[in-house]
Protein backbone atom coordinates (compact mmCIF):
# COMPACT_ATOMS: atom_id res chain seq x y z
CA MET A 1 166.52 106.64 190.38
CA SER A 2 166.60 102.97 189.52
CA THR A 3 169.04 101.28 187.23
CA GLN A 4 167.78 98.53 184.90
CA THR A 5 170.21 95.78 184.06
CA ILE A 6 169.93 94.26 180.63
CA SER A 7 171.27 90.74 180.34
CA LEU A 8 171.85 88.89 177.11
CA SER A 9 171.54 85.14 177.45
CA ILE A 10 172.45 82.63 174.78
CA SER A 11 170.94 79.17 174.99
CA ARG A 12 173.15 76.12 175.34
CA PRO A 13 171.94 74.57 172.02
CA THR A 14 172.93 77.79 170.23
CA VAL A 15 176.40 77.76 171.77
CA VAL A 16 176.82 74.11 170.79
CA LYS A 17 175.72 74.82 167.21
CA VAL A 18 178.15 77.72 166.88
CA LEU A 19 181.10 75.76 168.30
CA ILE A 20 180.41 72.68 166.17
CA SER A 21 179.90 74.87 163.09
CA LEU A 22 183.27 76.58 163.67
CA ALA A 23 185.04 73.26 164.17
CA TYR A 24 183.28 71.91 161.07
CA ALA A 25 184.32 74.97 159.02
CA ALA A 26 187.92 74.64 160.24
CA LEU A 27 188.16 70.97 159.26
CA ILE A 28 186.61 71.34 155.81
CA SER A 29 188.78 74.44 155.20
CA TRP A 30 191.88 72.38 155.92
CA LEU A 31 190.64 69.56 153.71
CA TYR A 32 189.82 71.99 150.90
CA ILE A 33 193.27 73.62 150.96
CA ASN A 34 195.34 70.49 151.47
CA GLU A 35 193.34 67.88 149.54
CA VAL A 36 190.59 69.23 147.30
CA ALA A 37 192.51 72.15 145.77
CA THR A 38 195.75 70.15 145.65
CA THR A 39 194.38 67.00 144.06
CA TRP A 40 191.52 68.40 141.97
CA GLY A 41 192.72 71.94 141.34
CA TYR A 42 192.51 71.31 137.58
CA GLN A 43 188.70 71.25 137.95
CA GLY A 44 188.67 74.85 139.15
CA PHE A 45 189.16 74.46 142.90
CA GLY A 46 191.50 77.39 143.51
CA VAL A 47 193.14 78.81 146.62
CA ASP A 48 193.34 82.56 147.25
CA TYR A 49 193.02 83.42 150.92
CA SER A 50 194.60 85.41 153.72
CA ALA A 51 194.31 85.76 157.50
CA PHE A 52 191.42 88.16 156.87
CA SER A 53 189.62 85.35 155.01
CA ALA A 54 189.81 83.20 158.14
CA VAL A 55 188.35 86.03 160.25
CA ILE A 56 185.43 86.46 157.83
CA ILE A 57 184.76 82.70 157.76
CA ILE A 58 184.70 82.58 161.58
CA PHE A 59 182.41 85.59 161.86
CA ALA A 60 180.01 84.56 159.06
CA THR A 61 179.79 80.93 160.21
CA SER A 62 179.08 82.04 163.79
CA MET A 63 176.35 84.44 162.75
CA VAL A 64 174.58 81.94 160.48
CA ALA A 65 174.86 79.16 163.09
CA ALA A 66 173.42 81.44 165.79
CA ALA A 67 170.48 82.24 163.51
CA MET A 68 169.51 78.57 163.20
CA PRO A 69 166.29 77.78 165.16
CA ASN A 70 166.32 75.35 168.10
CA GLU A 71 162.70 74.14 168.07
CA GLY A 72 163.43 70.62 166.85
CA ASP A 73 160.66 70.90 164.22
CA THR A 74 160.77 70.25 160.47
CA ARG A 75 162.05 73.75 159.75
CA SER A 76 164.87 73.46 162.30
CA MET A 77 166.06 70.07 161.02
CA LEU A 78 165.91 70.94 157.32
CA LEU A 79 167.66 74.27 157.97
CA MET A 80 170.34 72.40 159.93
CA LEU A 81 170.82 70.11 156.94
CA THR A 82 171.07 73.16 154.67
CA HIS A 83 173.45 74.87 157.09
CA PHE A 84 176.02 72.07 157.18
CA LEU A 85 175.73 70.86 153.58
CA PHE A 86 175.25 74.21 151.82
CA PHE A 87 175.67 77.39 153.89
CA VAL A 88 178.97 76.59 155.66
CA PRO A 89 180.73 74.92 152.68
CA SER A 90 179.69 77.85 150.48
CA ILE A 91 181.04 80.37 152.99
CA VAL A 92 184.32 78.47 153.26
CA PHE A 93 184.63 78.18 149.47
CA ALA A 94 183.80 81.85 148.91
CA PHE A 95 186.64 83.17 151.08
CA ILE A 96 189.27 80.51 150.50
CA SER A 97 188.98 80.28 146.70
CA GLY A 98 188.69 84.00 145.99
CA ALA A 99 185.17 83.67 144.56
CA HIS A 100 183.38 86.27 142.45
CA LEU A 101 182.12 89.19 144.57
CA THR A 102 178.65 88.85 143.08
CA TYR A 103 178.55 85.23 144.22
CA ILE A 104 179.51 86.23 147.77
CA ALA A 105 176.86 88.97 147.88
CA LEU A 106 174.14 86.65 146.57
CA LEU A 107 175.14 83.85 148.95
CA PHE A 108 174.62 86.04 152.02
CA SER A 109 171.51 87.64 150.51
CA SER A 110 170.02 84.17 150.00
CA ILE A 111 170.78 83.16 153.58
CA ALA A 112 169.22 86.40 154.84
CA VAL A 113 166.05 85.62 152.85
CA ILE A 114 165.74 81.88 153.52
CA ILE A 115 166.08 81.80 157.32
CA PRO A 116 163.37 84.36 158.27
CA LEU A 117 160.92 83.31 155.54
CA SER A 118 161.13 79.69 156.65
CA GLY A 119 159.74 80.77 160.02
CA LEU A 120 156.46 82.08 158.61
CA ALA A 121 153.26 80.34 159.69
CA ILE A 122 151.69 78.97 156.52
CA LYS A 123 148.45 77.04 156.58
CA PRO A 124 148.98 73.67 154.88
CA ILE A 125 146.81 72.49 152.03
CA ARG A 126 144.75 69.64 153.50
CA THR A 127 141.94 67.67 151.89
CA SER A 128 140.06 64.67 153.23
CA PRO A 129 142.87 62.25 154.09
CA ILE A 130 142.94 58.71 152.76
CA ARG A 131 141.95 56.23 155.44
CA ARG A 132 144.91 54.99 157.44
CA SER A 133 144.11 51.37 156.60
CA GLN A 134 144.09 52.20 152.87
CA PHE A 135 147.04 54.60 152.64
CA LEU A 136 149.90 52.09 152.63
CA PRO A 137 148.22 49.71 150.17
CA PHE A 138 147.52 52.74 147.96
CA LEU A 139 151.24 53.69 147.93
CA ILE A 140 152.45 50.12 147.33
CA ILE A 141 149.91 49.26 144.61
CA SER A 142 150.40 52.61 142.85
CA SER A 143 154.19 52.16 142.92
CA PHE A 144 153.85 48.59 141.60
CA ILE A 145 151.71 49.81 138.69
CA PHE A 146 154.24 52.54 137.86
CA VAL A 147 157.14 50.05 138.00
CA VAL A 148 155.31 47.65 135.66
CA LEU A 149 154.48 50.50 133.25
CA TYR A 150 158.12 51.62 133.32
CA ALA A 151 159.24 48.09 132.45
CA LEU A 152 156.69 47.67 129.65
CA LEU A 153 156.99 51.12 128.06
CA GLY A 154 160.77 51.15 128.45
CA ASN A 155 161.10 47.63 127.07
CA ILE A 156 163.12 46.55 130.12
CA ARG A 157 163.96 42.85 129.78
CA SER A 158 166.55 42.31 132.50
CA LEU A 159 167.71 43.65 135.87
CA ASN A 160 171.26 44.68 136.70
CA PHE A 161 172.56 44.79 140.28
CA ASP A 162 176.27 44.98 139.40
CA LEU A 163 177.38 48.42 140.66
CA SER A 164 180.44 48.36 138.41
CA ALA A 165 178.22 48.15 135.32
CA VAL A 166 175.58 50.75 136.17
CA TYR A 167 176.86 53.47 133.83
CA ALA A 168 176.99 51.18 130.80
CA VAL A 169 173.54 49.71 131.49
CA ARG A 170 172.06 53.16 132.15
CA ALA A 171 173.49 54.55 128.91
CA GLU A 172 172.04 51.60 126.98
CA ASN A 173 168.62 52.05 128.60
CA VAL A 174 168.50 55.81 128.00
CA GLU A 175 168.72 55.28 124.24
CA SER A 176 165.60 53.08 124.20
CA LEU A 177 163.48 54.82 126.88
CA PRO A 178 160.74 57.31 125.97
CA GLY A 179 161.58 60.72 127.49
CA PHE A 180 158.42 60.99 129.60
CA LEU A 181 159.48 57.96 131.65
CA GLY A 182 162.02 60.22 133.36
CA TYR A 183 159.12 61.58 135.43
CA PHE A 184 158.53 58.08 136.79
CA VAL A 185 162.01 57.83 138.28
CA SER A 186 161.63 60.61 140.85
CA LEU A 187 157.94 59.94 141.41
CA ILE A 188 158.53 56.30 142.36
CA SER A 189 161.99 56.27 143.91
CA ALA A 190 162.08 59.64 145.71
CA ILE A 191 158.43 60.15 146.69
CA MET A 192 156.08 57.17 146.72
CA LEU A 193 158.28 54.28 147.83
CA PRO A 194 160.24 56.28 150.47
CA MET A 195 156.90 57.54 151.83
CA ALA A 196 155.67 53.94 151.96
CA MET A 197 158.82 52.88 153.83
CA ILE A 198 158.55 55.67 156.41
CA TYR A 199 154.81 55.20 156.91
CA SER A 200 155.37 51.44 157.30
CA LEU A 201 157.93 52.12 160.02
CA ALA A 202 155.62 54.63 161.69
CA THR A 203 152.73 52.16 161.76
CA ARG A 204 154.95 49.10 162.35
CA ASN A 205 153.70 47.36 159.21
CA TYR A 206 156.85 45.41 158.42
CA VAL A 207 155.28 43.27 155.68
CA LEU A 208 154.54 46.31 153.53
CA LEU A 209 157.92 47.77 154.51
CA GLY A 210 159.52 44.70 152.94
CA ALA A 211 157.31 45.11 149.86
CA ALA A 212 158.37 48.76 149.47
CA ILE A 213 162.07 47.91 149.84
CA GLY A 214 161.68 45.06 147.35
CA LEU A 215 160.06 47.35 144.77
CA GLN A 216 162.80 49.94 145.28
CA LEU A 217 165.47 47.29 144.63
CA VAL A 218 163.68 46.06 141.50
CA PHE A 219 163.38 49.64 140.26
CA PHE A 220 167.10 50.17 140.85
CA GLY A 221 167.79 47.04 138.81
CA MET A 222 165.74 48.55 135.97
CA THR A 223 167.11 52.09 136.00
CA ASN A 224 170.62 51.66 137.49
CA PHE A 225 170.55 55.08 139.17
CA LYS A 226 172.67 54.72 142.32
CA ASN A 227 170.65 57.31 144.22
CA ILE A 228 167.64 54.97 144.02
CA LEU A 229 169.68 52.40 145.94
CA PHE A 230 171.20 54.69 148.57
CA SER A 231 168.75 57.57 149.11
CA PRO A 232 166.19 55.40 150.98
CA LEU A 233 168.93 54.55 153.49
CA LEU A 234 169.40 58.27 154.20
CA ILE A 235 165.64 58.86 154.44
CA ILE A 236 165.10 55.94 156.82
CA PHE A 237 168.08 56.98 158.96
CA ILE A 238 166.82 60.56 159.24
CA TYR A 239 163.36 59.32 160.22
CA LEU A 240 164.63 56.90 162.88
CA PHE A 241 167.03 59.54 164.22
CA ALA A 242 164.43 62.32 164.37
CA ARG A 243 161.53 60.17 165.61
CA GLU A 244 162.70 60.73 169.19
CA PRO A 245 162.46 64.50 169.84
CA SER A 246 165.31 64.47 172.37
CA ARG A 247 167.73 63.29 169.66
CA ARG A 248 167.08 66.24 167.35
CA LEU A 249 169.32 68.57 169.32
CA TYR A 250 172.21 66.22 168.52
CA LEU A 251 171.82 66.68 164.74
CA PRO A 252 174.90 68.98 164.53
CA TYR A 253 177.05 66.15 165.91
CA PHE A 254 175.82 63.91 163.11
CA PHE A 255 177.01 66.34 160.43
CA PHE A 256 180.28 66.93 162.28
CA GLY A 257 181.02 63.25 161.72
CA LEU A 258 181.45 63.95 158.00
CA PRO A 259 184.77 65.89 158.16
CA ILE A 260 185.93 63.58 160.98
CA ALA A 261 185.44 60.60 158.66
CA ALA A 262 187.25 62.49 155.90
CA MET A 263 190.20 63.20 158.21
CA VAL A 264 190.41 59.51 159.11
CA ASN A 265 190.28 58.69 155.40
CA PHE A 266 193.09 61.20 154.78
CA LEU A 267 195.29 59.76 157.54
CA ILE A 268 194.84 56.17 156.37
CA SER A 269 195.33 56.96 152.68
CA ARG A 270 198.08 59.57 152.85
CA ILE A 271 200.02 58.70 156.01
CA VAL A 272 199.56 54.95 156.47
CA LEU A 273 199.11 53.64 152.90
CA GLN A 274 200.70 56.65 151.14
CA SER A 275 198.23 56.48 148.27
CA GLU A 276 195.64 58.89 146.89
CA ASP A 277 193.64 56.10 145.25
CA LEU A 278 191.71 55.39 148.45
CA LEU A 279 190.47 58.92 149.20
CA PHE A 280 186.85 57.80 148.88
CA VAL A 281 185.37 59.96 151.64
CA VAL A 282 187.40 63.04 150.69
CA ASN A 283 186.50 62.68 147.02
CA ASN A 284 182.81 61.83 147.28
CA PHE A 285 181.76 63.71 150.39
CA ILE A 286 184.13 66.66 150.76
CA ARG A 287 184.83 67.46 147.10
CA ARG A 288 181.59 66.38 145.43
CA LEU A 289 179.00 66.82 148.19
CA LEU A 290 180.30 69.98 149.89
CA PHE A 291 182.48 71.93 147.47
CA ALA A 292 181.34 71.06 143.93
CA PRO A 293 178.01 72.97 144.36
CA PRO A 294 179.59 76.32 145.36
CA LEU A 295 182.26 75.87 142.67
CA LEU A 296 179.55 75.45 140.03
CA ASP A 297 177.49 78.30 141.50
CA ASN A 298 180.51 80.57 141.17
CA MET A 299 181.13 79.40 137.58
CA HIS A 300 177.52 80.13 136.63
CA ILE A 301 177.82 83.67 138.00
CA GLN A 302 181.19 84.23 136.31
CA PHE A 303 179.78 83.23 132.93
CA PHE A 304 176.26 84.66 133.04
CA SER A 305 177.33 87.98 134.52
CA GLU A 306 178.97 88.61 131.13
CA ASN A 307 176.65 86.68 128.80
CA ALA A 308 172.95 86.43 127.96
CA LEU A 309 170.51 85.04 130.53
CA TYR A 310 167.93 82.33 129.88
CA TYR A 311 164.82 83.87 131.48
CA TRP A 312 163.45 80.31 131.81
CA SER A 313 163.43 79.93 128.01
CA THR A 314 164.26 76.21 128.33
CA SER A 315 161.59 75.63 130.98
CA ARG A 316 158.02 74.49 130.40
CA ILE A 317 156.69 77.43 132.41
CA THR A 318 157.35 79.82 129.50
CA PHE A 319 155.48 77.56 127.00
CA GLY A 320 158.16 78.13 124.36
CA LEU A 321 157.34 81.85 124.16
CA VAL A 322 160.87 82.91 125.18
CA GLU A 323 163.65 82.11 122.75
CA SER A 324 166.77 80.54 124.28
CA PRO A 325 170.03 82.39 123.60
CA TYR A 326 171.92 79.07 123.59
CA SER A 327 171.55 75.73 121.86
CA GLN A 328 171.89 73.85 125.18
CA THR A 329 170.66 74.26 128.73
CA ALA A 330 172.77 76.16 131.26
CA PRO A 331 174.47 73.13 132.90
CA PHE A 332 175.82 71.96 129.53
CA VAL A 333 176.91 75.49 128.58
CA ILE A 334 178.94 75.68 131.81
CA GLY A 335 180.27 72.15 131.27
CA LEU A 336 181.62 73.16 127.87
CA GLU A 337 182.90 76.59 128.97
CA PHE A 338 184.82 75.48 132.07
CA PHE A 339 185.49 71.76 131.53
CA GLN A 340 185.61 71.58 127.71
CA PHE A 341 183.08 68.75 127.57
CA ASP A 342 179.70 69.40 125.92
CA THR A 343 178.31 66.22 127.54
CA TRP A 344 179.07 67.35 131.12
CA ALA A 345 176.06 68.77 132.91
CA ALA A 346 177.25 71.20 135.60
CA ASN A 347 173.97 71.00 137.53
CA THR A 348 173.59 73.41 140.42
CA GLY A 349 170.97 74.80 142.82
CA ILE A 350 169.26 78.04 143.73
CA ILE A 351 172.25 80.36 143.28
CA GLY A 352 173.70 79.11 139.99
CA SER A 353 170.44 78.12 138.31
CA GLY A 354 168.64 81.21 139.61
CA TYR A 355 171.36 83.49 138.26
CA SER A 356 171.51 81.79 134.85
CA ASN A 357 167.79 82.48 134.44
CA ALA A 358 167.37 86.03 135.71
CA GLY A 359 170.54 87.25 137.38
CA ALA A 360 170.31 88.47 140.98
CA PHE A 361 166.51 88.60 140.74
CA GLY A 362 166.43 84.90 139.86
CA VAL A 363 168.58 83.99 142.88
CA LEU A 364 166.46 86.01 145.30
CA LEU A 365 163.26 84.62 143.77
CA TYR A 366 164.47 81.05 144.25
CA ALA A 367 165.67 81.83 147.78
CA THR A 368 162.22 83.26 148.57
CA LEU A 369 160.44 80.21 147.19
CA PHE A 370 162.79 77.89 149.08
CA GLY A 371 162.19 79.72 152.36
CA LEU A 372 158.42 79.51 151.83
CA LEU A 373 158.72 75.81 150.97
CA LEU A 374 160.46 75.16 154.29
CA ALA A 375 157.66 77.03 156.07
CA LEU A 376 155.07 74.92 154.24
CA LEU A 377 156.83 71.65 155.07
CA ASN A 378 157.04 72.76 158.71
CA SER A 379 153.28 73.27 158.75
CA TYR A 380 152.79 69.75 157.42
CA GLY A 381 155.20 68.51 160.09
CA LYS A 382 152.91 69.91 162.78
CA HIS A 383 150.03 67.83 161.40
CA LEU A 384 151.78 64.64 160.29
CA GLY A 385 154.85 64.45 162.53
CA HIS A 386 158.10 66.37 162.15
CA ALA A 387 160.25 63.24 161.73
CA PHE A 388 157.94 61.97 158.96
CA VAL A 389 157.91 65.19 156.92
CA THR A 390 161.59 65.98 157.54
CA SER A 391 162.75 62.61 156.23
CA LEU A 392 160.62 63.02 153.10
CA GLY A 393 161.86 66.57 152.54
CA VAL A 394 165.58 65.80 152.77
CA LEU A 395 166.13 64.90 149.09
CA THR A 396 164.06 67.87 147.88
CA VAL A 397 166.05 70.30 150.03
CA MET A 398 169.38 68.85 148.86
CA ASN A 399 168.31 69.04 145.21
CA ILE A 400 167.07 72.64 145.43
CA THR A 401 170.15 73.98 147.21
CA ARG A 402 172.83 71.96 145.50
CA SER A 403 172.00 70.30 142.21
CA SER A 404 168.74 71.27 140.46
CA ASP A 405 166.79 74.23 139.19
CA PHE A 406 163.83 75.02 141.45
CA VAL A 407 161.32 74.72 138.60
CA THR A 408 162.81 71.35 137.64
CA VAL A 409 162.44 70.09 141.22
CA LEU A 410 158.88 71.38 141.27
CA LEU A 411 157.75 69.78 138.01
CA THR A 412 160.15 66.92 137.25
CA HIS A 413 161.50 65.75 140.61
CA GLY A 414 158.08 65.35 142.14
CA LEU A 415 157.80 68.28 144.57
CA VAL A 416 154.24 69.03 143.43
CA PHE A 417 153.33 65.37 143.87
CA LEU A 418 154.96 65.27 147.32
CA ILE A 419 152.82 68.22 148.47
CA ALA A 420 149.73 66.59 146.96
CA LEU A 421 150.46 63.36 148.85
CA LEU A 422 151.05 65.21 152.11
CA ALA A 423 147.66 66.84 151.65
CA VAL A 424 145.92 63.43 151.76
CA THR A 425 148.26 61.62 154.16
CA PRO A 426 146.55 60.43 157.36
CA LYS A 427 148.31 61.14 160.65
CA GLU A 428 150.78 58.49 161.81
CA ASN A 429 148.68 58.06 164.87
């Protein structure tokens, strides 16, 4: 009688991901309790935890980190981004703040849907690609035409590059701009020009790279949206980082630098200078980037679990056939309910926006669509290069998970146009 030995082996990348994820969760938990909830508790950042909460955070973070793929492809990198900027902060928030039980259940249900669906093999939509020699000129010329149209139709007469004046200039421009020009903003600044920059880098065409950067700067001067100025830096960094396959396994270290930078910011501001006015990293990256999305998700579920749902009545996909139960869209309803400002838009991603539309069904529907989107982008990565597609998908993934309704990203933020462009993009080479 023979005895068979069963051995369970865990790969080194998986162990590294789990350890870094636990250290990451520990640091942002400390920052949440001692800085975010203390300084900005009036915004709704509460604290209600116990030793059992810590055990759950450790267990849940470990399980989700272990489920992350290690292939180094588009799916792996975009899931890693989602893991550190959405999954882990949401888990930490859920069990430290005493979040709504429905929110906790839907958070883990979404994770359980997104990760496996993103691994499906989906055939990409491909048509006859534009010739490589014509693709970059097509992007640059098209972007130039859109920028000129934006200036003419929006009656833009001057450019502003003063960062301290962007809100005043933007507010002045919004009053005079036709509403449909809002589609141009994402189309130009988040899709066409970033794609031109990345493709220029891939093909080493530095003249057209300079042209794309110049157009992006001019467009920022017209619109005064800060993300137009800074998002290309993130996209280019992700591309250059991921272009070398051996670097992709080090992506968790990159995200771990975020709470490390916040801790340095805390030490300098609180201990050395003894001032809270310089908590730039803690405020903008820990509070706003990591913990504001789960806070708003939880608020959406608190409110809409007891009040009428939208059923996409404010979306174009219902063609006005569904009557809205409110006079404003969901983000403004939440802004008024929890912050007492009817001009505050509490924008949120798949959990909050999905729930406001159709309850738990809406969340699971959006999680399903997001998982399938990651699978589709991964299929394009196999054809066009994983670094290329990953860098272009970063903003879309961040918007869907953290700050925008899925339908809005699809129709207004240019996701449909991004997929259409990928369908005709020639291979890097």
